[in-house]
Amino acid sequence: MAQSNLPNDAQWRALKTVAQENLETLLNEMQGYFDDRSERWQESKKAFEFQCKLDDLEGVISDLVDLVI
């Protein structure tokens, strides 16, 4: 007999949705930070490294979206 207090697909999908929303918020805030910097900063090595983090985060979000639960 199944117990009602055990995790289930609906709970996992809900948690996945919350995680995705939080990561998208993080991405938007980081992108806003990048966009608010000067053009000189955006062309710097530090900006390149920051952009790599943004790209990685976009990849994580994409992978999460593709995850079937």
PDB file of N, CA and C in Angstrom:
ATOM      1  N   MET A   1       0.841  -1.172   0.000  1.00  0.00           N
ATOM      2  CA  MET A   1       0.000   0.000   0.000  1.00  0.00           C
ATOM      3  C   MET A   1       0.895   1.247   0.000  1.00  0.00           C
ATOM      4  N   ALA A   2       0.578   2.202  -0.854  1.00  0.00           N
ATOM      5  CA  ALA A   2       1.375   3.431  -0.955  1.00  0.00           C
ATOM      6  C   ALA A   2       1.085   4.349   0.224  1.00  0.00           C
ATOM      7  N   GLN A   3       2.131   4.986   0.700  1.00  0.00           N
ATOM      8  CA  GLN A   3       1.968   5.942   1.784  1.00  0.00           C
ATOM      9  C   GLN A   3       1.849   7.340   1.196  1.00  0.00           C
ATOM     10  N   SER A   4       0.946   8.139   1.736  1.00  0.00           N
ATOM     11  CA  SER A   4       0.708   9.474   1.197  1.00  0.00           C
ATOM     12  C   SER A   4       1.846  10.442   1.490  1.00  0.00           C
ATOM     13  N   ASN A   5       2.700  10.125   2.458  1.00  0.00           N
ATOM     14  CA  ASN A   5       3.788  11.048   2.797  1.00  0.00           C
ATOM     15  C   ASN A   5       5.053  10.799   1.978  1.00  0.00           C
ATOM     16  N   LEU A   6       5.022   9.848   1.062  1.00  0.00           N
ATOM     17  CA  LEU A   6       6.172   9.591   0.204  1.00  0.00           C
ATOM     18  C   LEU A   6       6.211  10.611  -0.929  1.00  0.00           C
ATOM     19  N   PRO A   7       7.400  11.011  -1.327  1.00  0.00           N
ATOM     20  CA  PRO A   7       7.497  11.926  -2.473  1.00  0.00           C
ATOM     21  C   PRO A   7       6.871  11.288  -3.714  1.00  0.00           C
ATOM     22  N   ASN A   8       6.371  12.139  -4.590  1.00  0.00           N
ATOM     23  CA  ASN A   8       5.768  11.624  -5.811  1.00  0.00           C
ATOM     24  C   ASN A   8       6.102  12.533  -6.986  1.00  0.00           C
ATOM     25  N   ASP A   9       5.739  12.075  -8.168  1.00  0.00           N
ATOM     26  CA  ASP A   9       6.067  12.814  -9.389  1.00  0.00           C
ATOM     27  C   ASP A   9       5.562  14.255  -9.357  1.00  0.00           C
ATOM     28  N   ALA A  10       4.376  14.478  -8.859  1.00  0.00           N
ATOM     29  CA  ALA A  10       3.823  15.838  -8.823  1.00  0.00           C
ATOM     30  C   ALA A  10       4.675  16.747  -7.937  1.00  0.00           C
ATOM     31  N   GLN A  11       5.114  16.234  -6.801  1.00  0.00           N
ATOM     32  CA  GLN A  11       5.973  17.027  -5.910  1.00  0.00           C
ATOM     33  C   GLN A  11       7.306  17.321  -6.579  1.00  0.00           C
ATOM     34  N   TRP A  12       7.868  16.342  -7.246  1.00  0.00           N
ATOM     35  CA  TRP A  12       9.153  16.531  -7.915  1.00  0.00           C
ATOM     36  C   TRP A  12       9.039  17.529  -9.055  1.00  0.00           C
ATOM     37  N   ARG A  13       7.941  17.461  -9.808  1.00  0.00           N
ATOM     38  CA  ARG A  13       7.746  18.432 -10.894  1.00  0.00           C
ATOM     39  C   ARG A  13       7.593  19.845 -10.331  1.00  0.00           C
ATOM     40  N   ALA A  14       6.888  19.958  -9.206  1.00  0.00           N
ATOM     41  CA  ALA A  14       6.716  21.269  -8.571  1.00  0.00           C
ATOM     42  C   ALA A  14       8.062  21.814  -8.100  1.00  0.00           C
ATOM     43  N   LEU A  15       8.886  20.951  -7.509  1.00  0.00           N
ATOM     44  CA  LEU A  15      10.214  21.385  -7.064  1.00  0.00           C
ATOM     45  C   LEU A  15      11.086  21.773  -8.250  1.00  0.00           C
ATOM     46  N   LYS A  16      10.977  21.017  -9.332  1.00  0.00           N
ATOM     47  CA  LYS A  16      11.723  21.352 -10.553  1.00  0.00           C
ATOM     48  C   LYS A  16      11.312  22.725 -11.064  1.00  0.00           C
ATOM     49  N   THR A  17      10.020  23.008 -11.046  1.00  0.00           N
ATOM     50  CA  THR A  17       9.516  24.304 -11.499  1.00  0.00           C
ATOM     51  C   THR A  17      10.066  25.429 -10.636  1.00  0.00           C
ATOM     52  N   VAL A  18      10.076  25.237  -9.339  1.00  0.00           N
ATOM     53  CA  VAL A  18      10.610  26.258  -8.425  1.00  0.00           C
ATOM     54  C   VAL A  18      12.103  26.463  -8.690  1.00  0.00           C
ATOM     55  N   ALA A  19      12.833  25.379  -8.876  1.00  0.00           N
ATOM     56  CA  ALA A  19      14.268  25.486  -9.159  1.00  0.00           C
ATOM     57  C   ALA A  19      14.496  26.253 -10.456  1.00  0.00           C
ATOM     58  N   GLN A  20      13.718  25.929 -11.468  1.00  0.00           N
ATOM     59  CA  GLN A  20      13.851  26.618 -12.758  1.00  0.00           C
ATOM     60  C   GLN A  20      13.556  28.106 -12.609  1.00  0.00           C
ATOM     61  N   GLU A  21      12.490  28.443 -11.900  1.00  0.00           N
ATOM     62  CA  GLU A  21      12.153  29.853 -11.693  1.00  0.00           C
ATOM     63  C   GLU A  21      13.267  30.583 -10.953  1.00  0.00           C
ATOM     64  N   ASN A  22      13.840  29.943  -9.935  1.00  0.00           N
ATOM     65  CA  ASN A  22      14.931  30.573  -9.179  1.00  0.00           C
ATOM     66  C   ASN A  22      16.171  30.769 -10.048  1.00  0.00           C
ATOM     67  N   LEU A  23      16.498  29.774 -10.861  1.00  0.00           N
ATOM     68  CA  LEU A  23      17.662  29.908 -11.736  1.00  0.00           C
ATOM     69  C   LEU A  23      17.436  30.977 -12.800  1.00  0.00           C
ATOM     70  N   GLU A  24      16.211  31.081 -13.298  1.00  0.00           N
ATOM     71  CA  GLU A  24      15.913  32.130 -14.277  1.00  0.00           C
ATOM     72  C   GLU A  24      15.990  33.515 -13.641  1.00  0.00           C
ATOM     73  N   THR A  25      15.574  33.631 -12.387  1.00  0.00           N
ATOM     74  CA  THR A  25      15.713  34.892 -11.659  1.00  0.00           C
ATOM     75  C   THR A  25      17.186  35.243 -11.506  1.00  0.00           C
ATOM     76  N   LEU A  26      17.991  34.255 -11.133  1.00  0.00           N
ATOM     77  CA  LEU A  26      19.430  34.472 -11.008  1.00  0.00           C
ATOM     78  C   LEU A  26      20.025  34.909 -12.338  1.00  0.00           C
ATOM     79  N   LEU A  27      19.661  34.235 -13.413  1.00  0.00           N
ATOM     80  CA  LEU A  27      20.165  34.594 -14.736  1.00  0.00           C
ATOM     81  C   LEU A  27      19.780  36.026 -15.101  1.00  0.00           C
ATOM     82  N   ASN A  28      18.528  36.393 -14.873  1.00  0.00           N
ATOM     83  CA  ASN A  28      18.071  37.749 -15.202  1.00  0.00           C
ATOM     84  C   ASN A  28      18.797  38.808 -14.388  1.00  0.00           C
ATOM     85  N   GLU A  29      19.034  38.526 -13.105  1.00  0.00           N
ATOM     86  CA  GLU A  29      19.757  39.486 -12.269  1.00  0.00           C
ATOM     87  C   GLU A  29      21.207  39.617 -12.709  1.00  0.00           C
ATOM     88  N   MET A  30      21.822  38.497 -13.039  1.00  0.00           N
ATOM     89  CA  MET A  30      23.211  38.543 -13.503  1.00  0.00           C
ATOM     90  C   MET A  30      23.301  39.251 -14.854  1.00  0.00           C
ATOM     91  N   GLN A  31      22.352  38.986 -15.739  1.00  0.00           N
ATOM     92  CA  GLN A  31      22.357  39.647 -17.042  1.00  0.00           C
ATOM     93  C   GLN A  31      22.158  41.141 -16.881  1.00  0.00           C
ATOM     94  N   GLY A  32      21.282  41.533 -15.961  1.00  0.00           N
ATOM     95  CA  GLY A  32      21.078  42.952 -15.676  1.00  0.00           C
ATOM     96  C   GLY A  32      22.345  43.614 -15.165  1.00  0.00           C
ATOM     97  N   TYR A  33      23.054  42.899 -14.285  1.00  0.00           N
ATOM     98  CA  TYR A  33      24.327  43.414 -13.781  1.00  0.00           C
ATOM     99  C   TYR A  33      25.290  43.632 -14.944  1.00  0.00           C
ATOM    100  N   PHE A  34      25.392  42.647 -15.831  1.00  0.00           N
ATOM    101  CA  PHE A  34      26.282  42.748 -16.984  1.00  0.00           C
ATOM    102  C   PHE A  34      25.891  43.928 -17.863  1.00  0.00           C
ATOM    103  N   ASP A  35      24.608  44.029 -18.158  1.00  0.00           N
ATOM    104  CA  ASP A  35      24.116  45.080 -19.052  1.00  0.00           C
ATOM    105  C   ASP A  35      24.311  46.478 -18.482  1.00  0.00           C
ATOM    106  N   ASP A  36      24.294  46.592 -17.151  1.00  0.00           N
ATOM    107  CA  ASP A  36      24.450  47.898 -16.512  1.00  0.00           C
ATOM    108  C   ASP A  36      25.893  48.376 -16.450  1.00  0.00           C
ATOM    109  N   ARG A  37      26.845  47.510 -16.734  1.00  0.00           N
ATOM    110  CA  ARG A  37      28.252  47.885 -16.708  1.00  0.00           C
ATOM    111  C   ARG A  37      28.604  48.685 -17.953  1.00  0.00           C
ATOM    112  N   SER A  38      29.674  49.405 -17.870  1.00  0.00           N
ATOM    113  CA  SER A  38      30.131  50.231 -18.990  1.00  0.00           C
ATOM    114  C   SER A  38      30.565  49.351 -20.159  1.00  0.00           C
ATOM    115  N   GLU A  39      30.608  49.958 -21.322  1.00  0.00           N
ATOM    116  CA  GLU A  39      31.073  49.235 -22.512  1.00  0.00           C
ATOM    117  C   GLU A  39      32.518  48.782 -22.318  1.00  0.00           C
ATOM    118  N   ARG A  40      33.299  49.630 -21.681  1.00  0.00           N
ATOM    119  CA  ARG A  40      34.699  49.273 -21.419  1.00  0.00           C
ATOM    120  C   ARG A  40      34.772  48.021 -20.553  1.00  0.00           C
ATOM    121  N   TRP A  41      33.963  47.970 -19.508  1.00  0.00           N
ATOM    122  CA  TRP A  41      33.953  46.792 -18.646  1.00  0.00           C
ATOM    123  C   TRP A  41      33.493  45.566 -19.429  1.00  0.00           C
ATOM    124  N   GLN A  42      32.443  45.728 -20.241  1.00  0.00           N
ATOM    125  CA  GLN A  42      31.886  44.611 -21.006  1.00  0.00           C
ATOM    126  C   GLN A  42      32.896  44.021 -21.992  1.00  0.00           C
ATOM    127  N   GLU A  43      33.910  44.766 -22.325  1.00  0.00           N
ATOM    128  CA  GLU A  43      34.943  44.283 -23.233  1.00  0.00           C
ATOM    129  C   GLU A  43      36.172  43.739 -22.494  1.00  0.00           C
ATOM    130  N   SER A  44      36.098  43.715 -21.171  1.00  0.00           N
ATOM    131  CA  SER A  44      37.244  43.293 -20.363  1.00  0.00           C
ATOM    132  C   SER A  44      37.276  41.772 -20.174  1.00  0.00           C
ATOM    133  N   LYS A  45      38.427  41.312 -19.668  1.00  0.00           N
ATOM    134  CA  LYS A  45      38.590  39.895 -19.350  1.00  0.00           C
ATOM    135  C   LYS A  45      37.602  39.474 -18.269  1.00  0.00           C
ATOM    136  N   LYS A  46      37.402  40.336 -17.302  1.00  0.00           N
ATOM    137  CA  LYS A  46      36.462  40.037 -16.226  1.00  0.00           C
ATOM    138  C   LYS A  46      35.052  39.841 -16.782  1.00  0.00           C
ATOM    139  N   ALA A  47      34.676  40.658 -17.733  1.00  0.00           N
ATOM    140  CA  ALA A  47      33.356  40.530 -18.358  1.00  0.00           C
ATOM    141  C   ALA A  47      33.261  39.230 -19.145  1.00  0.00           C
ATOM    142  N   PHE A  48      34.344  38.864 -19.824  1.00  0.00           N
ATOM    143  CA  PHE A  48      34.358  37.608 -20.568  1.00  0.00           C
ATOM    144  C   PHE A  48      34.122  36.436 -19.618  1.00  0.00           C
ATOM    145  N   GLU A  49      34.802  36.446 -18.493  1.00  0.00           N
ATOM    146  CA  GLU A  49      34.636  35.388 -17.498  1.00  0.00           C
ATOM    147  C   GLU A  49      33.213  35.385 -16.942  1.00  0.00           C
ATOM    148  N   PHE A  50      32.659  36.568 -16.739  1.00  0.00           N
ATOM    149  CA  PHE A  50      31.287  36.680 -16.251  1.00  0.00           C
ATOM    150  C   PHE A  50      30.322  36.138 -17.298  1.00  0.00           C
ATOM    151  N   GLN A  51      30.569  36.443 -18.559  1.00  0.00           N
ATOM    152  CA  GLN A  51      29.715  35.947 -19.639  1.00  0.00           C
ATOM    153  C   GLN A  51      29.767  34.430 -19.714  1.00  0.00           C
ATOM    154  N   CYS A  52      30.913  33.855 -19.435  1.00  0.00           N
ATOM    155  CA  CYS A  52      31.033  32.389 -19.403  1.00  0.00           C
ATOM    156  C   CYS A  52      30.129  31.804 -18.319  1.00  0.00           C
ATOM    157  N   LYS A  53      30.061  32.477 -17.176  1.00  0.00           N
ATOM    158  CA  LYS A  53      29.167  32.033 -16.106  1.00  0.00           C
ATOM    159  C   LYS A  53      27.710  32.116 -16.557  1.00  0.00           C
ATOM    160  N   LEU A  54      27.374  33.198 -17.249  1.00  0.00           N
ATOM    161  CA  LEU A  54      26.012  33.327 -17.774  1.00  0.00           C
ATOM    162  C   LEU A  54      25.693  32.202 -18.754  1.00  0.00           C
ATOM    163  N   ASP A  55      26.633  31.906 -19.625  1.00  0.00           N
ATOM    164  CA  ASP A  55      26.442  30.825 -20.593  1.00  0.00           C
ATOM    165  C   ASP A  55      26.264  29.484 -19.890  1.00  0.00           C
ATOM    166  N   ASP A  56      27.078  29.239 -18.870  1.00  0.00           N
ATOM    167  CA  ASP A  56      26.958  27.998 -18.108  1.00  0.00           C
ATOM    168  C   ASP A  56      25.588  27.909 -17.435  1.00  0.00           C
ATOM    169  N   LEU A  57      25.148  29.002 -16.868  1.00  0.00           N
ATOM    170  CA  LEU A  57      23.851  29.029 -16.199  1.00  0.00           C
ATOM    171  C   LEU A  57      22.725  28.783 -17.197  1.00  0.00           C
ATOM    172  N   GLU A  58      22.814  29.363 -18.371  1.00  0.00           N
ATOM    173  CA  GLU A  58      21.815  29.103 -19.404  1.00  0.00           C
ATOM    174  C   GLU A  58      21.791  27.619 -19.760  1.00  0.00           C
ATOM    175  N   GLY A  59      22.952  26.992 -19.800  1.00  0.00           N
ATOM    176  CA  GLY A  59      23.026  25.557 -20.072  1.00  0.00           C
ATOM    177  C   GLY A  59      22.357  24.730 -18.985  1.00  0.00           C
ATOM    178  N   VAL A  60      22.576  25.122 -17.737  1.00  0.00           N
ATOM    179  CA  VAL A  60      21.957  24.417 -16.613  1.00  0.00           C
ATOM    180  C   VAL A  60      20.439  24.533 -16.709  1.00  0.00           C
ATOM    181  N   ILE A  61      19.956  25.730 -16.995  1.00  0.00           N
ATOM    182  CA  ILE A  61      18.514  25.934 -17.116  1.00  0.00           C
ATOM    183  C   ILE A  61      17.957  25.102 -18.261  1.00  0.00           C
ATOM    184  N   SER A  62      18.642  25.088 -19.373  1.00  0.00           N
ATOM    185  CA  SER A  62      18.197  24.296 -20.520  1.00  0.00           C
ATOM    186  C   SER A  62      18.141  22.807 -20.167  1.00  0.00           C
ATOM    187  N   ASP A  63      19.171  22.326 -19.476  1.00  0.00           N
ATOM    188  CA  ASP A  63      19.188  20.926 -19.056  1.00  0.00           C
ATOM    189  C   ASP A  63      18.037  20.626 -18.107  1.00  0.00           C
ATOM    190  N   LEU A  64      17.756  21.554 -17.208  1.00  0.00           N
ATOM    191  CA  LEU A  64      16.667  21.370 -16.262  1.00  0.00           C
ATOM    192  C   LEU A  64      15.322  21.332 -16.976  1.00  0.00           C
ATOM    193  N   VAL A  65      15.141  22.205 -17.938  1.00  0.00           N
ATOM    194  CA  VAL A  65      13.891  22.227 -18.713  1.00  0.00           C
ATOM    195  C   VAL A  65      13.705  20.882 -19.418  1.00  0.00           C
ATOM    196  N   ASP A  66      14.789  20.336 -19.949  1.00  0.00           N
ATOM    197  CA  ASP A  66      14.728  19.076 -20.692  1.00  0.00           C
ATOM    198  C   ASP A  66      14.560  17.855 -19.790  1.00  0.00           C
ATOM    199  N   LEU A  67      14.805  18.006 -18.506  1.00  0.00           N
ATOM    200  CA  LEU A  67      14.705  16.893 -17.569  1.00  0.00           C
ATOM    201  C   LEU A  67      13.252  16.461 -17.426  1.00  0.00           C
ATOM    202  N   VAL A  68      13.006  15.228 -17.704  1.00  0.00           N
ATOM    203  CA  VAL A  68      11.654  14.686 -17.601  1.00  0.00           C
ATOM    204  C   VAL A  68      11.502  14.004 -16.252  1.00  0.00           C
ATOM    205  N   ILE A  69      10.535  14.464 -15.488  1.00  0.00           N
ATOM    206  CA  ILE A  69      10.263  13.872 -14.171  1.00  0.00           C
ATOM    207  C   ILE A  69       8.838  13.358 -14.186  1.00  0.00           C
TER     208      ILE A  69
END
